[in-house]
């Protein structure tokens, strides 16, 4: 089930960062486009250069492939850095909003409304512990551990 108000809030955190995410989108498109020269150079090397036996041209194509790959890697690193910085800023904004919201709640809310947070997990833990206590499972486990320790 999709919570539209949560998605609208999440989108609102990115609005001040419009320039950053548009630049990231542009870099992503450039990354996709930058793959095509690599494909063309490999095709050219196998279809034209290798059959002709021109080693000088093969070295130049290899060097061009290296430069194209370095340029593509630079785009990838730049885009990752931009996305990490963007995510950090948005996460900081989100955490600040959460803290402001929590501090705005009355103190009685924090003291009385903690129930239900771990409800089913806590019940399962308590029943598991009571069962283990009733059947003395922990004592049996310790006894078996001692037996295995002495046996080895």
C-alpha atoms as a PDB file:
ATOM      1  CA  UNK A   1       0.000   0.000   0.000  1.00  0.00           C
ATOM      2  CA  UNK A   2       1.433   3.345  -1.013  1.00  0.00           C
ATOM      3  CA  UNK A   3       1.397   6.293   1.348  1.00  0.00           C
ATOM      4  CA  UNK A   4       1.143   9.324  -0.934  1.00  0.00           C
ATOM      5  CA  UNK A   5       1.696  11.881   1.815  1.00  0.00           C
ATOM      6  CA  UNK A   6       4.991  10.196   2.742  1.00  0.00           C
ATOM      7  CA  UNK A   7       6.142  10.309  -0.879  1.00  0.00           C
ATOM      8  CA  UNK A   8       5.146  13.976  -1.166  1.00  0.00           C
ATOM      9  CA  UNK A   9       7.129  14.735   1.979  1.00  0.00           C
ATOM     10  CA  UNK A  10      10.119  12.806   0.635  1.00  0.00           C
ATOM     11  CA  UNK A  11       9.912  14.680  -2.687  1.00  0.00           C
ATOM     12  CA  UNK A  12       9.722  17.995  -0.815  1.00  0.00           C
ATOM     13  CA  UNK A  13      13.104  17.227   0.774  1.00  0.00           C
ATOM     14  CA  UNK A  14      14.665  17.132  -2.701  1.00  0.00           C
ATOM     15  CA  UNK A  15      13.141  20.402  -3.957  1.00  0.00           C
ATOM     16  CA  UNK A  16      15.914  22.629  -2.545  1.00  0.00           C
ATOM     17  CA  UNK A  17      18.413  20.300  -4.223  1.00  0.00           C
ATOM     18  CA  UNK A  18      16.925  20.669  -7.691  1.00  0.00           C
ATOM     19  CA  UNK A  19      20.223  21.725  -9.265  1.00  0.00           C
ATOM     20  CA  UNK A  20      22.071  18.729  -7.788  1.00  0.00           C
ATOM     21  CA  UNK A  21      19.615  16.068  -8.867  1.00  0.00           C
ATOM     22  CA  UNK A  22      19.241  17.584 -12.327  1.00  0.00           C
ATOM     23  CA  UNK A  23      23.035  17.520 -12.676  1.00  0.00           C
ATOM     24  CA  UNK A  24      22.996  13.912 -11.499  1.00  0.00           C
ATOM     25  CA  UNK A  25      20.357  13.069 -14.097  1.00  0.00           C
ATOM     26  CA  UNK A  26      22.443  14.757 -16.806  1.00  0.00           C
ATOM     27  CA  UNK A  27      25.561  12.843 -15.708  1.00  0.00           C
ATOM     28  CA  UNK A  28      23.601   9.581 -15.796  1.00  0.00           C
ATOM     29  CA  UNK A  29      22.498  10.279 -19.361  1.00  0.00           C
ATOM     30  CA  UNK A  30      26.081  11.165 -20.309  1.00  0.00           C
ATOM     31  CA  UNK A  31      27.260   7.873 -18.796  1.00  0.00           C
ATOM     32  CA  UNK A  32      24.830   5.969 -20.977  1.00  0.00           C
ATOM     33  CA  UNK A  33      25.930   7.899 -24.062  1.00  0.00           C
ATOM     34  CA  UNK A  34      29.644   7.506 -23.223  1.00  0.00           C
ATOM     35  CA  UNK A  35      29.380   3.737 -23.663  1.00  0.00           C
ATOM     36  CA  UNK A  36      28.703   4.037 -27.400  1.00  0.00           C
ATOM     37  CA  UNK A  37      32.226   5.197 -28.361  1.00  0.00           C
ATOM     38  CA  UNK A  38      33.625   2.178 -26.522  1.00  0.00           C
ATOM     39  CA  UNK A  39      31.361  -0.138 -28.494  1.00  0.00           C
ATOM     40  CA  UNK A  40      32.241   1.557 -31.770  1.00  0.00           C
ATOM     41  CA  UNK A  41      36.004   1.443 -31.065  1.00  0.00           C
ATOM     42  CA  UNK A  42      35.899  -2.272 -30.207  1.00  0.00           C
ATOM     43  CA  UNK A  43      33.875  -2.990 -33.355  1.00  0.00           C
ATOM     44  CA  UNK A  44      36.272  -0.912 -35.446  1.00  0.00           C
ATOM     45  CA  UNK A  45      39.296  -2.692 -33.944  1.00  0.00           C
ATOM     46  CA  UNK A  46      37.927  -6.160 -34.719  1.00  0.00           C
ATOM     47  CA  UNK A  47      36.312  -5.424 -38.077  1.00  0.00           C
ATOM     48  CA  UNK A  48      38.863  -3.079 -39.666  1.00  0.00           C
ATOM     49  CA  UNK A  49      42.145  -2.769 -37.804  1.00  0.00           C
ATOM     50  CA  UNK A  50      42.909  -6.396 -36.962  1.00  0.00           C
ATOM     51  CA  UNK A  51      42.134  -7.746 -40.467  1.00  0.00           C
ATOM     52  CA  UNK A  52      44.329  -5.046 -42.010  1.00  0.00           C
ATOM     53  CA  UNK A  53      47.261  -5.921 -39.722  1.00  0.00           C
ATOM     54  CA  UNK A  54      47.989  -2.263 -38.982  1.00  0.00           C
ATOM     55  CA  UNK A  55      49.621  -2.396 -35.539  1.00  0.00           C
ATOM     56  CA  UNK A  56      50.113   1.354 -35.290  1.00  0.00           C
ATOM     57  CA  UNK A  57      46.389   1.924 -35.783  1.00  0.00           C
ATOM     58  CA  UNK A  58      45.642  -0.900 -33.325  1.00  0.00           C
ATOM     59  CA  UNK A  59      47.752   0.835 -30.655  1.00  0.00           C
ATOM     60  CA  UNK A  60      45.947   4.122 -31.347  1.00  0.00           C
ATOM     61  CA  UNK A  61      42.549   2.430 -31.067  1.00  0.00           C
ATOM     62  CA  UNK A  62      43.663   0.786 -27.819  1.00  0.00           C
ATOM     63  CA  UNK A  63      44.807   4.146 -26.492  1.00  0.00           C
ATOM     64  CA  UNK A  64      41.484   5.711 -27.538  1.00  0.00           C
ATOM     65  CA  UNK A  65      39.666   2.882 -25.745  1.00  0.00           C
ATOM     66  CA  UNK A  66      41.692   3.553 -22.618  1.00  0.00           C
ATOM     67  CA  UNK A  67      40.931   7.276 -22.729  1.00  0.00           C
ATOM     68  CA  UNK A  68      37.228   6.650 -23.341  1.00  0.00           C
ATOM     69  CA  UNK A  69      37.091   4.194 -20.442  1.00  0.00           C
ATOM     70  CA  UNK A  70      38.885   6.672 -18.158  1.00  0.00           C
ATOM     71  CA  UNK A  71      36.427   9.396 -19.138  1.00  0.00           C
ATOM     72  CA  UNK A  72      33.501   7.067 -18.429  1.00  0.00           C
ATOM     73  CA  UNK A  73      34.996   6.101 -15.067  1.00  0.00           C
ATOM     74  CA  UNK A  74      35.429   9.776 -14.214  1.00  0.00           C
ATOM     75  CA  UNK A  75      31.752  10.378 -14.959  1.00  0.00           C
ATOM     76  CA  UNK A  76      30.788   7.433 -12.750  1.00  0.00           C
ATOM     77  CA  UNK A  77      32.910   8.660  -9.827  1.00  0.00           C
ATOM     78  CA  UNK A  78      31.648  12.227 -10.183  1.00  0.00           C
ATOM     79  CA  UNK A  79      28.024  11.083 -10.309  1.00  0.00           C
ATOM     80  CA  UNK A  80      28.452   8.815  -7.279  1.00  0.00           C
ATOM     81  CA  UNK A  81      30.023  11.628  -5.299  1.00  0.00           C
ATOM     82  CA  UNK A  82      27.203  13.964  -6.271  1.00  0.00           C
ATOM     83  CA  UNK A  83      24.566  11.377  -5.288  1.00  0.00           C
ATOM     84  CA  UNK A  84      26.216  10.601  -1.948  1.00  0.00           C
ATOM     85  CA  UNK A  85      26.423  14.296  -1.074  1.00  0.00           C
ATOM     86  CA  UNK A  86      22.810  14.800  -2.139  1.00  0.00           C
ATOM     87  CA  UNK A  87      21.660  11.830  -0.060  1.00  0.00           C
ATOM     88  CA  UNK A  88      23.571  13.103   2.974  1.00  0.00           C
ATOM     89  CA  UNK A  89      21.949  16.537   2.763  1.00  0.00           C
ATOM     90  CA  UNK A  90      18.454  15.109   2.308  1.00  0.00           C
ATOM     91  CA  UNK A  91      18.958  12.613   5.150  1.00  0.00           C
ATOM     92  CA  UNK A  92      20.143  15.417   7.415  1.00  0.00           C
ATOM     93  CA  UNK A  93      17.029  17.419   6.584  1.00  0.00           C
ATOM     94  CA  UNK A  94      14.832  14.393   7.257  1.00  0.00           C
ATOM     95  CA  UNK A  95      16.509  13.642  10.604  1.00  0.00           C
ATOM     96  CA  UNK A  96      16.212  17.297  11.632  1.00  0.00           C
ATOM     97  CA  UNK A  97      12.491  17.284  10.810  1.00  0.00           C
ATOM     98  CA  UNK A  98      12.026  14.096  12.809  1.00  0.00           C
ATOM     99  CA  UNK A  99      13.846  15.481  15.840  1.00  0.00           C
ATOM    100  CA  UNK A 100      11.886  18.734  15.698  1.00  0.00           C
ATOM    101  CA  UNK A 101       8.667  16.730  15.533  1.00  0.00           C
ATOM    102  CA  UNK A 102       9.668  14.521  18.466  1.00  0.00           C
ATOM    103  CA  UNK A 103      10.761  17.454  20.613  1.00  0.00           C
ATOM    104  CA  UNK A 104       7.468  19.213  19.882  1.00  0.00           C
ATOM    105  CA  UNK A 105       5.504  16.325  21.425  1.00  0.00           C
ATOM    106  CA  UNK A 106       4.582  16.649  25.088  1.00  0.00           C
ATOM    107  CA  UNK A 107       6.733  14.780  27.601  1.00  0.00           C
ATOM    108  CA  UNK A 108       3.796  12.606  28.645  1.00  0.00           C
ATOM    109  CA  UNK A 109       3.668  11.194  25.109  1.00  0.00           C
ATOM    110  CA  UNK A 110       7.202   9.836  25.424  1.00  0.00           C
ATOM    111  CA  UNK A 111       6.495   8.333  28.823  1.00  0.00           C
ATOM    112  CA  UNK A 112       3.149   6.696  28.066  1.00  0.00           C
ATOM    113  CA  UNK A 113       3.024   5.979  24.323  1.00  0.00           C
ATOM    114  CA  UNK A 114       6.023   3.700  24.049  1.00  0.00           C
ATOM    115  CA  UNK A 115       3.752   0.663  24.149  1.00  0.00           C
ATOM    116  CA  UNK A 116       3.084  -1.141  20.919  1.00  0.00           C
ATOM    117  CA  UNK A 117       6.503  -0.389  19.462  1.00  0.00           C
ATOM    118  CA  UNK A 118       7.974  -3.821  20.188  1.00  0.00           C
ATOM    119  CA  UNK A 119       4.713  -5.467  21.256  1.00  0.00           C
ATOM    120  CA  UNK A 120       4.695  -8.744  19.342  1.00  0.00           C
ATOM    121  CA  UNK A 121       8.485  -9.131  19.458  1.00  0.00           C
ATOM    122  CA  UNK A 122       8.532  -8.566  23.199  1.00  0.00           C
ATOM    123  CA  UNK A 123       5.725 -11.088  23.785  1.00  0.00           C
ATOM    124  CA  UNK A 124       7.541 -13.643  21.641  1.00  0.00           C
ATOM    125  CA  UNK A 125      10.802 -13.026  23.523  1.00  0.00           C
ATOM    126  CA  UNK A 126       9.126 -13.331  26.930  1.00  0.00           C
ATOM    127  CA  UNK A 127       7.285 -16.529  25.995  1.00  0.00           C
ATOM    128  CA  UNK A 128      10.501 -17.989  24.574  1.00  0.00           C
ATOM    129  CA  UNK A 129      12.401 -17.092  27.722  1.00  0.00           C
ATOM    130  CA  UNK A 130       9.662 -18.506  29.992  1.00  0.00           C
ATOM    131  CA  UNK A 131       9.593 -21.730  27.978  1.00  0.00           C
ATOM    132  CA  UNK A 132      13.379 -22.015  28.150  1.00  0.00           C
ATOM    133  CA  UNK A 133      13.290 -21.328  31.902  1.00  0.00           C
ATOM    134  CA  UNK A 134      10.495 -23.830  32.516  1.00  0.00           C
ATOM    135  CA  UNK A 135      12.222 -26.597  30.589  1.00  0.00           C
ATOM    136  CA  UNK A 136      15.662 -25.664  31.952  1.00  0.00           C
ATOM    137  CA  UNK A 137      16.989 -25.431  28.399  1.00  0.00           C
ATOM    138  CA  UNK A 138      19.745 -22.998  29.332  1.00  0.00           C
ATOM    139  CA  UNK A 139      21.036 -25.330  32.052  1.00  0.00           C
ATOM    140  CA  UNK A 140      20.981 -28.269  29.612  1.00  0.00           C
ATOM    141  CA  UNK A 141      22.854 -26.158  27.062  1.00  0.00           C
ATOM    142  CA  UNK A 142      25.547 -25.262  29.634  1.00  0.00           C
ATOM    143  CA  UNK A 143      25.868 -28.917  30.672  1.00  0.00           C
ATOM    144  CA  UNK A 144      26.246 -30.058  27.063  1.00  0.00           C
ATOM    145  CA  UNK A 145      28.820 -27.329  26.403  1.00  0.00           C
ATOM    146  CA  UNK A 146      30.862 -28.537  29.386  1.00  0.00           C
ATOM    147  CA  UNK A 147      30.630 -32.163  28.206  1.00  0.00           C
ATOM    148  CA  UNK A 148      31.815 -31.238  24.715  1.00  0.00           C
ATOM    149  CA  UNK A 149      34.582 -29.050  26.138  1.00  0.00           C
ATOM    150  CA  UNK A 150      35.928 -31.894  28.273  1.00  0.00           C
ATOM    151  CA  UNK A 151      35.573 -34.413  25.436  1.00  0.00           C
ATOM    152  CA  UNK A 152      37.770 -32.411  23.059  1.00  0.00           C
END
